[in-house]
């Protein structure tokens, strides 16, 4: 199965539209959203074309394909306008590797979940990267709408035995790893 993984949309209908176009272009079967879908948060500037209800309506069209993880900016009201459920985290096995998906404010490279994992994938930092340390891989999807530290708007594609960090605007590969069981 092919997954597109993204985080930190922060209510930008402009970038949410691009993300949905990438999801369709990549022929992904599931869209895993790692939180902070609608609200921009008190530390962030308003993203381009901030419109939380339009984002919710667009995402609701893909409700059967979305797996959503709750972020630190997501609230109970976000669940009320969404036709899909927000989970605290999500776990999957891909090519014999255990992947733990989180927003990143609770579980990240410096604070591991109690469950065993091979790959920890999260957002929250708004900076995309792939790092390996002590036989664990840490992947930050970056931010769809508000990237930081001079990184591009980005997402991750899990395609067979590859995990690829890509630029949202161009689909250009930023980083790539192979996963095998």
Protein backbone atom coordinates (compact mmCIF):
# COMPACT_ATOMS: atom_id res chain seq x y z
CA UNK A 1 0.00 0.00 0.00
CA UNK A 2 1.18 3.52 -0.80
CA UNK A 3 0.80 6.15 1.93
CA UNK A 4 1.19 9.91 1.72
CA UNK A 5 2.06 11.34 5.15
CA UNK A 6 1.85 15.04 6.00
CA UNK A 7 1.61 17.32 8.99
CA UNK A 8 0.94 20.87 10.04
CA UNK A 9 -1.57 22.12 7.46
CA UNK A 10 -2.61 24.82 9.94
CA UNK A 11 -5.76 25.81 8.07
CA UNK A 12 -4.17 26.89 4.78
CA UNK A 13 -6.61 26.00 2.02
CA UNK A 14 -3.93 26.94 -0.53
CA UNK A 15 -1.48 24.30 0.71
CA UNK A 16 -4.21 21.79 1.55
CA UNK A 17 -5.29 21.92 -2.10
CA UNK A 18 -1.71 21.27 -3.21
CA UNK A 19 -1.46 18.39 -0.73
CA UNK A 20 -4.65 16.79 -2.08
CA UNK A 21 -3.30 17.19 -5.62
CA UNK A 22 -0.07 15.44 -4.56
CA UNK A 23 -2.09 12.66 -2.90
CA UNK A 24 -3.92 12.08 -6.17
CA UNK A 25 -0.80 12.51 -8.37
CA UNK A 26 1.15 9.99 -6.26
CA UNK A 27 -1.73 7.47 -6.50
CA UNK A 28 -1.58 6.92 -2.74
CA UNK A 29 -4.25 4.79 -1.10
CA UNK A 30 -4.11 6.40 2.35
CA UNK A 31 -3.46 9.94 3.56
CA UNK A 32 -1.94 9.95 7.04
CA UNK A 33 -2.25 13.39 8.63
CA UNK A 34 -0.05 13.93 11.68
CA UNK A 35 -1.96 16.74 13.32
CA UNK A 36 -2.37 20.49 13.45
CA UNK A 37 -4.85 20.43 10.61
CA UNK A 38 -6.87 23.62 11.11
CA UNK A 39 -5.68 26.03 13.81
CA UNK A 40 -2.45 27.97 13.22
CA UNK A 41 -1.41 28.10 16.88
CA UNK A 42 -0.26 31.07 18.96
CA UNK A 43 3.41 30.83 17.89
CA UNK A 44 2.78 30.76 14.15
CA UNK A 45 1.86 33.48 11.69
CA UNK A 46 -1.35 33.05 9.75
CA UNK A 47 -0.65 30.74 6.81
CA UNK A 48 -1.47 31.65 3.22
CA UNK A 49 -5.23 31.56 2.53
CA UNK A 50 -6.16 30.64 6.11
CA UNK A 51 -9.64 29.08 5.98
CA UNK A 52 -10.25 26.26 8.42
CA UNK A 53 -13.79 25.41 7.25
CA UNK A 54 -12.72 25.09 3.61
CA UNK A 55 -9.85 22.82 4.72
CA UNK A 56 -12.28 20.68 6.71
CA UNK A 57 -14.72 20.44 3.79
CA UNK A 58 -11.95 19.43 1.39
CA UNK A 59 -10.47 16.86 3.78
CA UNK A 60 -13.95 15.48 4.51
CA UNK A 61 -14.22 14.54 0.83
CA UNK A 62 -11.35 12.10 1.51
CA UNK A 63 -12.65 10.82 4.86
CA UNK A 64 -12.45 7.15 3.83
CA UNK A 65 -8.77 7.55 2.91
CA UNK A 66 -7.63 9.63 5.91
CA UNK A 67 -5.91 8.41 9.04
CA UNK A 68 -5.58 11.41 11.37
CA UNK A 69 -3.42 11.84 14.44
CA UNK A 70 -4.22 14.63 16.90
CA UNK A 71 -1.67 17.44 17.16
CA UNK A 72 -1.08 19.97 19.90
CA UNK A 73 -3.14 22.61 18.03
CA UNK A 74 -6.08 20.25 17.37
CA UNK A 75 -9.09 20.60 19.65
CA UNK A 76 -12.40 18.85 20.28
CA UNK A 77 -14.13 21.30 17.94
CA UNK A 78 -11.84 20.10 15.10
CA UNK A 79 -13.26 16.62 15.56
CA UNK A 80 -16.76 18.09 15.35
CA UNK A 81 -16.18 19.56 11.86
CA UNK A 82 -14.29 16.51 10.58
CA UNK A 83 -15.93 13.39 9.15
CA UNK A 84 -12.90 11.32 10.20
CA UNK A 85 -11.58 10.45 13.65
CA UNK A 86 -8.47 11.91 15.29
CA UNK A 87 -6.34 9.33 17.12
CA UNK A 88 -3.59 9.99 19.67
CA UNK A 89 -1.14 8.01 17.47
CA UNK A 90 -1.16 5.35 14.76
CA UNK A 91 0.94 2.22 14.24
CA UNK A 92 1.55 0.25 11.04
CA UNK A 93 3.80 -2.53 9.78
CA UNK A 94 5.40 -1.93 6.39
CA UNK A 95 7.88 -4.37 4.86
CA UNK A 96 8.45 -5.92 8.28
CA UNK A 97 9.18 -2.55 9.92
CA UNK A 98 7.09 -1.15 12.75
CA UNK A 99 6.22 2.48 12.09
CA UNK A 100 4.88 4.65 14.90
CA UNK A 101 3.11 7.82 13.70
CA UNK A 102 2.71 10.74 16.10
CA UNK A 103 2.32 14.48 15.89
CA UNK A 104 5.68 14.99 17.57
CA UNK A 105 4.85 17.12 20.57
CA UNK A 106 4.70 14.01 22.79
CA UNK A 107 6.75 11.40 20.93
CA UNK A 108 9.83 12.28 18.91
CA UNK A 109 13.54 11.50 18.60
CA UNK A 110 14.14 12.67 22.17
CA UNK A 111 11.03 11.13 23.75
CA UNK A 112 10.16 7.63 22.55
CA UNK A 113 6.78 5.94 22.89
CA UNK A 114 6.66 2.92 25.21
CA UNK A 115 5.86 0.59 22.30
CA UNK A 116 8.59 -0.95 20.16
CA UNK A 117 9.22 0.69 16.78
CA UNK A 118 11.73 0.74 13.95
CA UNK A 119 10.63 4.06 12.49
CA UNK A 120 9.16 7.03 14.36
CA UNK A 121 7.41 9.46 12.00
CA UNK A 122 6.13 12.83 13.18
CA UNK A 123 5.68 16.52 12.34
CA UNK A 124 5.37 19.35 14.87
CA UNK A 125 8.87 20.78 14.29
CA UNK A 126 7.96 22.06 10.79
CA UNK A 127 11.39 20.90 9.57
CA UNK A 128 11.61 17.86 7.30
CA UNK A 129 14.39 15.30 7.78
CA UNK A 130 15.30 11.61 7.90
CA UNK A 131 17.80 10.56 10.59
CA UNK A 132 19.01 7.19 11.82
CA UNK A 133 20.41 6.63 15.31
CA UNK A 134 20.94 3.37 17.24
CA UNK A 135 19.07 1.28 14.63
CA UNK A 136 16.03 3.58 14.86
CA UNK A 137 14.91 5.89 12.07
CA UNK A 138 13.34 9.27 12.82
CA UNK A 139 11.39 11.00 10.09
CA UNK A 140 9.93 14.46 10.34
CA UNK A 141 7.49 15.22 7.53
CA UNK A 142 8.10 18.94 7.82
CA UNK A 143 5.14 21.27 7.40
CA UNK A 144 2.67 21.52 4.56
CA UNK A 145 1.95 25.22 5.18
CA UNK A 146 4.48 26.75 7.60
CA UNK A 147 7.96 25.24 7.17
CA UNK A 148 10.75 26.46 9.45
CA UNK A 149 14.56 26.58 9.38
CA UNK A 150 14.70 27.36 5.66
CA UNK A 151 13.17 23.99 4.74
CA UNK A 152 10.61 23.61 1.94
CA UNK A 153 6.92 22.80 2.29
CA UNK A 154 7.06 19.00 2.41
CA UNK A 155 5.43 15.60 2.81
CA UNK A 156 6.50 11.95 2.97
CA UNK A 157 5.63 9.16 0.59
CA UNK A 158 5.80 5.54 1.75
CA UNK A 159 5.99 3.53 -1.45
CA UNK A 160 6.82 -0.17 -1.24
CA UNK A 161 10.25 -0.45 0.32
CA UNK A 162 11.06 3.29 0.11
CA UNK A 163 10.26 6.25 2.31
CA UNK A 164 10.78 9.51 0.49
CA UNK A 165 10.69 13.05 1.89
CA UNK A 166 9.50 15.33 -0.92
CA UNK A 167 8.98 19.02 -1.61
CA UNK A 168 5.27 19.81 -1.75
CA UNK A 169 5.51 22.29 -4.62
CA UNK A 170 7.69 20.25 -6.99
CA UNK A 171 7.60 16.62 -5.74
CA UNK A 172 11.43 16.81 -5.77
CA UNK A 173 13.08 14.27 -3.47
CA UNK A 174 14.73 15.78 -0.40
CA UNK A 175 15.76 12.52 1.27
CA UNK A 176 15.09 8.82 0.79
CA UNK A 177 15.61 5.56 2.67
CA UNK A 178 14.96 1.92 1.81
CA UNK A 179 13.07 -0.25 4.28
CA UNK A 180 13.25 -4.01 4.31
CA UNK A 181 12.19 -6.55 6.90
